[in-house]
Amino acid sequence: MEAWLHGLLAALSLPQYGLSTVFVVATLSATLLPMGSEPVVFGLVKLNPTLFWPAVLVATAGNTLGGAISWAMGMGAHRAVDRARGKPTEMQALRWLERFGPKACLVSWLPAVGDPLCAVAGWLKMPFWPCLAYMAVGKFLRYVTMTAGLLWVFPGGLKF
């Protein structure tokens, strides 16, 4: 079993597999699915340190795409509710978010609230491209900080 695990990790640390795995996991984790992509990014970088920047950039792209998917889901949900009610829908609890506008997507990296925030931005019909830009900046900073921090905390090799 141990040999199989080492073989799997070695294969996933290769750029042709590892980066695509990071992209898929980062995309899915930015939707409303309850999962995190940081362990995958950290594992890839730990196994192949030369992939630090490519892994961070690919994870950022995937996570931003997932945020865009959540934004679109929120926009679609708003349109569906508007059609069902026959009138525009506004929620009082979300007015504070409207005050910040697309800049609120800068904190889309936060655990638990970040992914729904992207959906709420779509629900509120915030402009897509500014939201996407703020999502990308926030998510990039998260991946750089988290991965560099984990490498600092765990400088040696991981033992299985």
C-alpha atoms as a PDB file:
ATOM      1  CA  MET A   1       0.000   0.000   0.000  1.00  0.00           C
ATOM      2  CA  GLU A   2       2.808   2.400   0.860  1.00  0.00           C
ATOM      3  CA  ALA A   3       4.532   1.804  -2.486  1.00  0.00           C
ATOM      4  CA  TRP A   4       1.251   2.495  -4.297  1.00  0.00           C
ATOM      5  CA  LEU A   5       0.779   5.779  -2.408  1.00  0.00           C
ATOM      6  CA  HIS A   6       4.324   6.909  -3.177  1.00  0.00           C
ATOM      7  CA  GLY A   7       3.819   6.002  -6.845  1.00  0.00           C
ATOM      8  CA  LEU A   8       0.551   7.952  -6.993  1.00  0.00           C
ATOM      9  CA  LEU A   9       2.088  11.008  -5.321  1.00  0.00           C
ATOM     10  CA  ALA A  10       5.105  10.851  -7.622  1.00  0.00           C
ATOM     11  CA  ALA A  11       2.829  10.739 -10.678  1.00  0.00           C
ATOM     12  CA  LEU A  12       0.666  13.611  -9.437  1.00  0.00           C
ATOM     13  CA  SER A  13       3.744  15.744  -8.769  1.00  0.00           C
ATOM     14  CA  LEU A  14       4.620  15.701 -12.472  1.00  0.00           C
ATOM     15  CA  PRO A  15       3.696  18.965 -14.213  1.00  0.00           C
ATOM     16  CA  GLN A  16       1.515  17.264 -16.821  1.00  0.00           C
ATOM     17  CA  TYR A  17      -0.724  15.723 -14.126  1.00  0.00           C
ATOM     18  CA  GLY A  18      -0.186  17.832 -11.051  1.00  0.00           C
ATOM     19  CA  LEU A  19      -1.103  21.171 -12.542  1.00  0.00           C
ATOM     20  CA  SER A  20      -4.273  19.848 -14.183  1.00  0.00           C
ATOM     21  CA  THR A  21      -5.241  18.239 -10.884  1.00  0.00           C
ATOM     22  CA  VAL A  22      -4.664  21.551  -9.093  1.00  0.00           C
ATOM     23  CA  PHE A  23      -6.807  23.345 -11.683  1.00  0.00           C
ATOM     24  CA  VAL A  24      -9.739  20.928 -11.365  1.00  0.00           C
ATOM     25  CA  VAL A  25      -9.665  20.845  -7.562  1.00  0.00           C
ATOM     26  CA  ALA A  26      -9.283  24.644  -7.329  1.00  0.00           C
ATOM     27  CA  THR A  27     -12.209  25.152  -9.710  1.00  0.00           C
ATOM     28  CA  LEU A  28     -14.490  22.760  -7.838  1.00  0.00           C
ATOM     29  CA  SER A  29     -13.492  24.112  -4.433  1.00  0.00           C
ATOM     30  CA  ALA A  30     -14.497  27.649  -5.445  1.00  0.00           C
ATOM     31  CA  THR A  31     -18.050  26.556  -6.126  1.00  0.00           C
ATOM     32  CA  LEU A  32     -20.403  25.802  -3.290  1.00  0.00           C
ATOM     33  CA  LEU A  33     -18.911  22.308  -2.878  1.00  0.00           C
ATOM     34  CA  PRO A  34     -17.377  21.868   0.585  1.00  0.00           C
ATOM     35  CA  MET A  35     -13.740  21.211  -0.251  1.00  0.00           C
ATOM     36  CA  GLY A  36     -10.418  23.018  -0.152  1.00  0.00           C
ATOM     37  CA  SER A  37      -7.682  23.219  -2.738  1.00  0.00           C
ATOM     38  CA  GLU A  38      -4.823  24.340  -0.507  1.00  0.00           C
ATOM     39  CA  PRO A  39      -3.724  20.797   0.451  1.00  0.00           C
ATOM     40  CA  VAL A  40      -3.464  19.866  -3.238  1.00  0.00           C
ATOM     41  CA  VAL A  41      -1.419  22.970  -4.074  1.00  0.00           C
ATOM     42  CA  PHE A  42       0.815  22.464  -1.054  1.00  0.00           C
ATOM     43  CA  GLY A  43       1.286  18.768  -1.813  1.00  0.00           C
ATOM     44  CA  LEU A  44       2.283  19.459  -5.416  1.00  0.00           C
ATOM     45  CA  VAL A  45       4.720  22.188  -4.427  1.00  0.00           C
ATOM     46  CA  LYS A  46       6.149  20.061  -1.640  1.00  0.00           C
ATOM     47  CA  LEU A  47       6.753  17.180  -4.040  1.00  0.00           C
ATOM     48  CA  ASN A  48       8.000  19.410  -6.849  1.00  0.00           C
ATOM     49  CA  PRO A  49       9.268  22.769  -5.486  1.00  0.00           C
ATOM     50  CA  THR A  50      10.011  24.137  -8.970  1.00  0.00           C
ATOM     51  CA  LEU A  51       6.245  24.273  -9.544  1.00  0.00           C
ATOM     52  CA  PHE A  52       5.596  26.904  -6.837  1.00  0.00           C
ATOM     53  CA  TRP A  53       4.642  29.750  -9.191  1.00  0.00           C
ATOM     54  CA  PRO A  54       2.974  27.603 -11.852  1.00  0.00           C
ATOM     55  CA  ALA A  55       0.911  25.882  -9.136  1.00  0.00           C
ATOM     56  CA  VAL A  56      -0.094  29.192  -7.555  1.00  0.00           C
ATOM     57  CA  LEU A  57      -1.064  30.666 -10.931  1.00  0.00           C
ATOM     58  CA  VAL A  58      -2.983  27.566 -12.057  1.00  0.00           C
ATOM     59  CA  ALA A  59      -4.785  27.359  -8.693  1.00  0.00           C
ATOM     60  CA  THR A  60      -5.637  31.061  -8.934  1.00  0.00           C
ATOM     61  CA  ALA A  61      -7.017  30.598 -12.455  1.00  0.00           C
ATOM     62  CA  GLY A  62      -9.059  27.550 -11.455  1.00  0.00           C
ATOM     63  CA  ASN A  63     -10.368  29.129  -8.279  1.00  0.00           C
ATOM     64  CA  THR A  64     -11.270  32.325 -10.140  1.00  0.00           C
ATOM     65  CA  LEU A  65     -13.122  30.265 -12.754  1.00  0.00           C
ATOM     66  CA  GLY A  66     -15.002  28.539  -9.922  1.00  0.00           C
ATOM     67  CA  GLY A  67     -15.867  31.961  -8.506  1.00  0.00           C
ATOM     68  CA  ALA A  68     -17.160  33.020 -11.927  1.00  0.00           C
ATOM     69  CA  ILE A  69     -19.308  29.875 -12.033  1.00  0.00           C
ATOM     70  CA  SER A  70     -20.711  30.745  -8.595  1.00  0.00           C
ATOM     71  CA  TRP A  71     -21.350  34.325  -9.791  1.00  0.00           C
ATOM     72  CA  ALA A  72     -23.250  32.973 -12.811  1.00  0.00           C
ATOM     73  CA  MET A  73     -25.251  30.619 -10.586  1.00  0.00           C
ATOM     74  CA  GLY A  74     -26.221  33.565  -8.384  1.00  0.00           C
ATOM     75  CA  MET A  75     -27.241  35.631 -11.412  1.00  0.00           C
ATOM     76  CA  GLY A  76     -29.270  32.716 -12.761  1.00  0.00           C
ATOM     77  CA  ALA A  77     -30.971  32.188  -9.405  1.00  0.00           C
ATOM     78  CA  HIS A  78     -31.900  35.872  -9.249  1.00  0.00           C
ATOM     79  CA  ARG A  79     -33.399  35.791 -12.724  1.00  0.00           C
ATOM     80  CA  ALA A  80     -35.364  32.632 -11.905  1.00  0.00           C
ATOM     81  CA  VAL A  81     -36.771  34.161  -8.719  1.00  0.00           C
ATOM     82  CA  ASP A  82     -37.644  37.392 -10.554  1.00  0.00           C
ATOM     83  CA  ARG A  83     -39.523  35.400 -13.216  1.00  0.00           C
ATOM     84  CA  ALA A  84     -41.343  33.311 -10.607  1.00  0.00           C
ATOM     85  CA  ARG A  85     -42.417  36.357  -8.605  1.00  0.00           C
ATOM     86  CA  GLY A  86     -43.092  38.538 -11.603  1.00  0.00           C
ATOM     87  CA  LYS A  87     -41.136  41.423 -10.051  1.00  0.00           C
ATOM     88  CA  PRO A  88     -37.532  42.281  -9.122  1.00  0.00           C
ATOM     89  CA  THR A  89     -36.254  40.734  -5.872  1.00  0.00           C
ATOM     90  CA  GLU A  90     -34.188  42.565  -3.283  1.00  0.00           C
ATOM     91  CA  MET A  91     -33.017  41.234   0.067  1.00  0.00           C
ATOM     92  CA  GLN A  92     -32.503  43.655   2.938  1.00  0.00           C
ATOM     93  CA  ALA A  93     -29.718  41.579   4.514  1.00  0.00           C
ATOM     94  CA  LEU A  94     -27.578  41.992   1.383  1.00  0.00           C
ATOM     95  CA  ARG A  95     -27.710  45.780   1.131  1.00  0.00           C
ATOM     96  CA  TRP A  96     -24.367  46.158   2.927  1.00  0.00           C
ATOM     97  CA  LEU A  97     -22.745  44.061   0.215  1.00  0.00           C
ATOM     98  CA  GLU A  98     -24.206  46.291  -2.465  1.00  0.00           C
ATOM     99  CA  ARG A  99     -22.519  49.232  -0.749  1.00  0.00           C
ATOM    100  CA  PHE A 100     -19.073  47.723  -1.392  1.00  0.00           C
ATOM    101  CA  GLY A 101     -19.880  46.611  -4.937  1.00  0.00           C
ATOM    102  CA  PRO A 102     -17.424  44.409  -6.851  1.00  0.00           C
ATOM    103  CA  LYS A 103     -14.653  45.235  -4.341  1.00  0.00           C
ATOM    104  CA  ALA A 104     -16.412  42.877  -1.922  1.00  0.00           C
ATOM    105  CA  CYS A 105     -15.205  40.011  -4.165  1.00  0.00           C
ATOM    106  CA  LEU A 106     -11.664  40.759  -2.980  1.00  0.00           C
ATOM    107  CA  VAL A 107     -12.470  38.712   0.139  1.00  0.00           C
ATOM    108  CA  SER A 108     -13.812  35.773  -1.869  1.00  0.00           C
ATOM    109  CA  TRP A 109     -10.806  33.819  -0.582  1.00  0.00           C
ATOM    110  CA  LEU A 110     -12.212  33.634   2.954  1.00  0.00           C
ATOM    111  CA  PRO A 111     -13.227  30.183   4.162  1.00  0.00           C
ATOM    112  CA  ALA A 112     -16.960  29.515   4.521  1.00  0.00           C
ATOM    113  CA  VAL A 113     -18.124  32.941   3.272  1.00  0.00           C
ATOM    114  CA  GLY A 114     -15.964  33.464   0.184  1.00  0.00           C
ATOM    115  CA  ASP A 115     -17.645  31.016  -2.169  1.00  0.00           C
ATOM    116  CA  PRO A 116     -21.204  32.085  -1.347  1.00  0.00           C
ATOM    117  CA  LEU A 117     -20.037  35.697  -1.661  1.00  0.00           C
ATOM    118  CA  CYS A 118     -19.351  35.115  -5.364  1.00  0.00           C
ATOM    119  CA  ALA A 119     -22.865  33.724  -5.816  1.00  0.00           C
ATOM    120  CA  VAL A 120     -24.319  36.685  -3.937  1.00  0.00           C
ATOM    121  CA  ALA A 121     -22.381  39.076  -6.195  1.00  0.00           C
ATOM    122  CA  GLY A 122     -24.118  37.458  -9.160  1.00  0.00           C
ATOM    123  CA  TRP A 123     -27.448  37.558  -7.336  1.00  0.00           C
ATOM    124  CA  LEU A 124     -26.995  41.287  -6.823  1.00  0.00           C
ATOM    125  CA  LYS A 125     -26.148  41.681 -10.525  1.00  0.00           C
ATOM    126  CA  MET A 126     -22.762  43.213  -9.766  1.00  0.00           C
ATOM    127  CA  PRO A 127     -20.646  43.794 -12.889  1.00  0.00           C
ATOM    128  CA  PHE A 128     -18.985  40.519 -13.912  1.00  0.00           C
ATOM    129  CA  TRP A 129     -15.513  41.683 -15.016  1.00  0.00           C
ATOM    130  CA  PRO A 130     -14.730  43.887 -11.992  1.00  0.00           C
ATOM    131  CA  CYS A 131     -15.960  41.088  -9.701  1.00  0.00           C
ATOM    132  CA  LEU A 132     -13.763  38.592 -11.541  1.00  0.00           C
ATOM    133  CA  ALA A 133     -10.715  40.862 -11.265  1.00  0.00           C
ATOM    134  CA  TYR A 134     -11.172  41.326  -7.502  1.00  0.00           C
ATOM    135  CA  MET A 135     -11.752  37.580  -7.072  1.00  0.00           C
ATOM    136  CA  ALA A 136      -8.515  36.829  -8.933  1.00  0.00           C
ATOM    137  CA  VAL A 137      -6.450  39.255  -6.839  1.00  0.00           C
ATOM    138  CA  GLY A 138      -7.820  37.924  -3.542  1.00  0.00           C
ATOM    139  CA  LYS A 139      -7.408  34.290  -4.535  1.00  0.00           C
ATOM    140  CA  PHE A 140      -3.861  34.847  -5.853  1.00  0.00           C
ATOM    141  CA  LEU A 141      -2.814  36.479  -2.582  1.00  0.00           C
ATOM    142  CA  ARG A 142      -4.361  33.590  -0.642  1.00  0.00           C
ATOM    143  CA  TYR A 143      -2.477  30.924  -2.590  1.00  0.00           C
ATOM    144  CA  VAL A 144       0.848  32.752  -2.341  1.00  0.00           C
ATOM    145  CA  THR A 145       0.407  33.328   1.397  1.00  0.00           C
ATOM    146  CA  MET A 146      -0.906  29.860   2.237  1.00  0.00           C
ATOM    147  CA  THR A 147       1.615  27.923   0.152  1.00  0.00           C
ATOM    148  CA  ALA A 148       4.615  30.005   1.212  1.00  0.00           C
ATOM    149  CA  GLY A 149       3.471  29.824   4.839  1.00  0.00           C
ATOM    150  CA  LEU A 150       3.091  26.057   4.733  1.00  0.00           C
ATOM    151  CA  LEU A 151       6.518  25.691   3.126  1.00  0.00           C
ATOM    152  CA  TRP A 152       7.953  27.816   5.915  1.00  0.00           C
ATOM    153  CA  VAL A 153       6.205  25.744   8.615  1.00  0.00           C
ATOM    154  CA  PHE A 154       7.094  22.412   6.969  1.00  0.00           C
ATOM    155  CA  PRO A 155      10.512  23.030   5.388  1.00  0.00           C
ATOM    156  CA  GLY A 156      11.592  19.368   5.351  1.00  0.00           C
ATOM    157  CA  GLY A 157      10.087  16.562   3.370  1.00  0.00           C
ATOM    158  CA  LEU A 158       6.746  15.124   4.347  1.00  0.00           C
ATOM    159  CA  LYS A 159       6.862  11.648   5.853  1.00  0.00           C
ATOM    160  CA  PHE A 160       4.135   9.132   5.088  1.00  0.00           C
END
